[in-house]
N, C-alpha and C. Protein backbone atom coordinates (compact mmCIF):
# COMPACT_ATOMS: atom_id res chain seq x y z
N MET A 1 -0.58 -15.39 0.65
CA MET A 1 0.76 -15.02 1.06
C MET A 1 0.69 -13.69 1.81
N ASP A 2 1.65 -13.48 2.66
CA ASP A 2 1.75 -12.24 3.42
C ASP A 2 3.02 -11.50 3.00
N TYR A 3 2.91 -10.17 2.89
CA TYR A 3 4.05 -9.34 2.53
C TYR A 3 4.17 -8.21 3.53
N ARG A 4 5.38 -7.90 3.91
CA ARG A 4 5.65 -6.73 4.75
C ARG A 4 6.09 -5.61 3.81
N VAL A 5 5.46 -4.44 3.95
CA VAL A 5 5.72 -3.31 3.06
C VAL A 5 5.96 -2.04 3.87
N SER A 6 6.57 -1.06 3.22
CA SER A 6 6.67 0.29 3.75
C SER A 6 6.22 1.24 2.65
N TYR A 7 5.69 2.40 3.04
CA TYR A 7 5.18 3.36 2.06
C TYR A 7 4.88 4.68 2.72
N GLU A 8 4.57 5.69 1.91
CA GLU A 8 4.08 6.98 2.37
C GLU A 8 2.69 7.15 1.77
N HIS A 9 1.83 7.88 2.49
CA HIS A 9 0.51 8.12 1.92
C HIS A 9 -0.04 9.47 2.32
N SER A 10 -0.99 9.91 1.53
CA SER A 10 -1.72 11.15 1.80
C SER A 10 -3.15 10.77 2.18
N LEU A 11 -3.92 11.77 2.54
CA LEU A 11 -5.33 11.56 2.85
C LEU A 11 -6.17 11.99 1.65
N GLN A 12 -7.36 11.45 1.54
CA GLN A 12 -8.24 11.83 0.43
C GLN A 12 -8.59 13.31 0.47
N SER A 13 -8.66 13.87 1.66
CA SER A 13 -9.02 15.29 1.78
C SER A 13 -7.92 16.21 1.26
N ASP A 14 -6.67 15.74 1.21
CA ASP A 14 -5.54 16.52 0.68
C ASP A 14 -4.57 15.57 0.00
N PRO A 15 -4.89 15.13 -1.22
CA PRO A 15 -4.09 14.07 -1.88
C PRO A 15 -2.67 14.47 -2.25
N ASP A 16 -2.33 15.76 -2.26
CA ASP A 16 -0.98 16.17 -2.63
C ASP A 16 -0.05 16.31 -1.43
N ALA A 17 -0.58 16.21 -0.22
CA ALA A 17 0.24 16.35 0.99
C ALA A 17 0.50 14.97 1.59
N PHE A 18 1.69 14.46 1.35
CA PHE A 18 2.05 13.14 1.88
C PHE A 18 2.49 13.32 3.32
N ILE A 19 1.61 12.96 4.25
CA ILE A 19 1.82 13.30 5.64
C ILE A 19 2.22 12.11 6.52
N VAL A 20 2.04 10.91 6.03
CA VAL A 20 2.29 9.73 6.86
C VAL A 20 3.31 8.83 6.19
N GLN A 21 4.32 8.44 6.96
CA GLN A 21 5.29 7.45 6.49
C GLN A 21 5.08 6.19 7.32
N VAL A 22 4.75 5.10 6.67
CA VAL A 22 4.52 3.82 7.34
C VAL A 22 5.80 3.00 7.18
N PRO A 23 6.56 2.81 8.27
CA PRO A 23 7.84 2.12 8.14
C PRO A 23 7.71 0.62 7.90
N SER A 24 6.63 0.01 8.39
CA SER A 24 6.45 -1.42 8.20
C SER A 24 5.00 -1.79 8.47
N GLN A 25 4.42 -2.53 7.54
CA GLN A 25 3.04 -2.98 7.70
C GLN A 25 2.91 -4.34 7.02
N LEU A 26 2.17 -5.23 7.64
CA LEU A 26 1.93 -6.55 7.09
C LEU A 26 0.64 -6.53 6.28
N VAL A 27 0.72 -6.94 5.03
CA VAL A 27 -0.45 -7.06 4.17
C VAL A 27 -0.68 -8.55 3.97
N GLU A 28 -1.82 -9.02 4.44
CA GLU A 28 -2.10 -10.46 4.45
C GLU A 28 -3.06 -10.85 3.34
N GLY A 29 -3.03 -12.12 3.00
CA GLY A 29 -4.00 -12.69 2.09
C GLY A 29 -3.79 -12.38 0.62
N ILE A 30 -2.56 -12.18 0.21
CA ILE A 30 -2.27 -11.92 -1.20
C ILE A 30 -2.24 -13.28 -1.91
N PRO A 31 -3.03 -13.44 -2.98
CA PRO A 31 -3.01 -14.73 -3.69
C PRO A 31 -1.62 -15.03 -4.25
N PRO A 32 -1.18 -16.26 -4.16
CA PRO A 32 0.17 -16.61 -4.64
C PRO A 32 0.32 -16.57 -6.17
N ASN A 33 -0.78 -16.50 -6.90
CA ASN A 33 -0.69 -16.50 -8.36
C ASN A 33 -0.61 -15.10 -8.97
N ILE A 34 -0.49 -14.05 -8.14
CA ILE A 34 -0.32 -12.69 -8.67
C ILE A 34 1.09 -12.58 -9.23
N PRO A 35 1.24 -12.16 -10.51
CA PRO A 35 2.58 -12.00 -11.08
C PRO A 35 3.39 -10.94 -10.32
N ARG A 36 4.66 -11.17 -10.19
CA ARG A 36 5.54 -10.26 -9.43
C ARG A 36 5.45 -8.83 -9.96
N ALA A 37 5.31 -8.65 -11.26
CA ALA A 37 5.24 -7.31 -11.84
C ALA A 37 3.98 -6.56 -11.41
N LEU A 38 2.90 -7.29 -11.12
CA LEU A 38 1.64 -6.65 -10.72
C LEU A 38 1.46 -6.57 -9.20
N LEU A 39 2.39 -7.12 -8.47
CA LEU A 39 2.27 -7.17 -7.02
C LEU A 39 2.17 -5.79 -6.36
N PRO A 40 2.99 -4.79 -6.71
CA PRO A 40 2.84 -3.48 -6.08
C PRO A 40 1.47 -2.85 -6.29
N GLU A 41 0.91 -2.97 -7.48
CA GLU A 41 -0.42 -2.42 -7.75
C GLU A 41 -1.49 -3.13 -6.93
N TYR A 42 -1.37 -4.44 -6.81
CA TYR A 42 -2.34 -5.22 -6.06
C TYR A 42 -2.27 -4.87 -4.57
N ILE A 43 -1.06 -4.76 -4.04
CA ILE A 43 -0.89 -4.42 -2.63
C ILE A 43 -1.41 -3.00 -2.36
N THR A 44 -1.15 -2.07 -3.26
CA THR A 44 -1.66 -0.71 -3.10
C THR A 44 -3.18 -0.70 -3.02
N GLU A 45 -3.83 -1.44 -3.89
CA GLU A 45 -5.29 -1.50 -3.85
C GLU A 45 -5.79 -2.15 -2.57
N ARG A 46 -5.12 -3.18 -2.08
CA ARG A 46 -5.52 -3.82 -0.82
C ARG A 46 -5.43 -2.83 0.34
N ILE A 47 -4.35 -2.05 0.38
CA ILE A 47 -4.19 -1.06 1.44
C ILE A 47 -5.29 -0.01 1.36
N ARG A 48 -5.59 0.47 0.16
CA ARG A 48 -6.62 1.51 0.00
C ARG A 48 -8.01 0.98 0.31
N GLN A 49 -8.28 -0.29 0.02
CA GLN A 49 -9.58 -0.88 0.38
C GLN A 49 -9.72 -1.01 1.89
N ARG A 50 -8.63 -1.35 2.55
CA ARG A 50 -8.65 -1.54 3.99
C ARG A 50 -8.76 -0.20 4.73
N SER A 51 -8.18 0.86 4.16
CA SER A 51 -8.19 2.19 4.78
C SER A 51 -8.72 3.20 3.77
N PRO A 52 -10.03 3.40 3.72
CA PRO A 52 -10.62 4.26 2.69
C PRO A 52 -10.27 5.74 2.79
N THR A 53 -9.69 6.20 3.89
CA THR A 53 -9.31 7.61 4.01
C THR A 53 -7.98 7.92 3.33
N ILE A 54 -7.25 6.89 2.89
CA ILE A 54 -5.97 7.09 2.21
C ILE A 54 -6.22 7.61 0.80
N GLY A 55 -5.47 8.65 0.45
CA GLY A 55 -5.58 9.23 -0.89
C GLY A 55 -4.64 8.52 -1.85
N HIS A 56 -3.39 8.95 -1.85
CA HIS A 56 -2.37 8.36 -2.74
C HIS A 56 -1.32 7.64 -1.91
N ILE A 57 -0.73 6.63 -2.51
CA ILE A 57 0.37 5.89 -1.90
C ILE A 57 1.58 6.04 -2.80
N ARG A 58 2.72 6.34 -2.21
CA ARG A 58 3.95 6.44 -3.00
C ARG A 58 5.08 5.75 -2.25
N ASN A 59 6.15 5.50 -2.97
CA ASN A 59 7.34 4.85 -2.42
C ASN A 59 7.04 3.53 -1.74
N LEU A 60 6.17 2.74 -2.35
CA LEU A 60 5.84 1.43 -1.81
C LEU A 60 7.06 0.52 -2.00
N ARG A 61 7.47 -0.11 -0.92
CA ARG A 61 8.59 -1.06 -0.97
C ARG A 61 8.17 -2.36 -0.33
N ILE A 62 8.46 -3.45 -0.98
CA ILE A 62 8.23 -4.76 -0.39
C ILE A 62 9.49 -5.11 0.39
N LEU A 63 9.33 -5.33 1.67
CA LEU A 63 10.50 -5.57 2.55
C LEU A 63 10.86 -7.04 2.62
């Protein structure tokens, strides 16, 4: 399944400075059997695996 999300993130070099706001991003290939309650955590890990320079993600919203 594919989900469109928005979020803010910091860089690993400065994890407390949230410098980037991503208004919309498509996250593809989410297994359909992931429980809805665990979906934000799973999507966060997918984003961090895809972009290893990201430190922390906050305000994740599924659009």
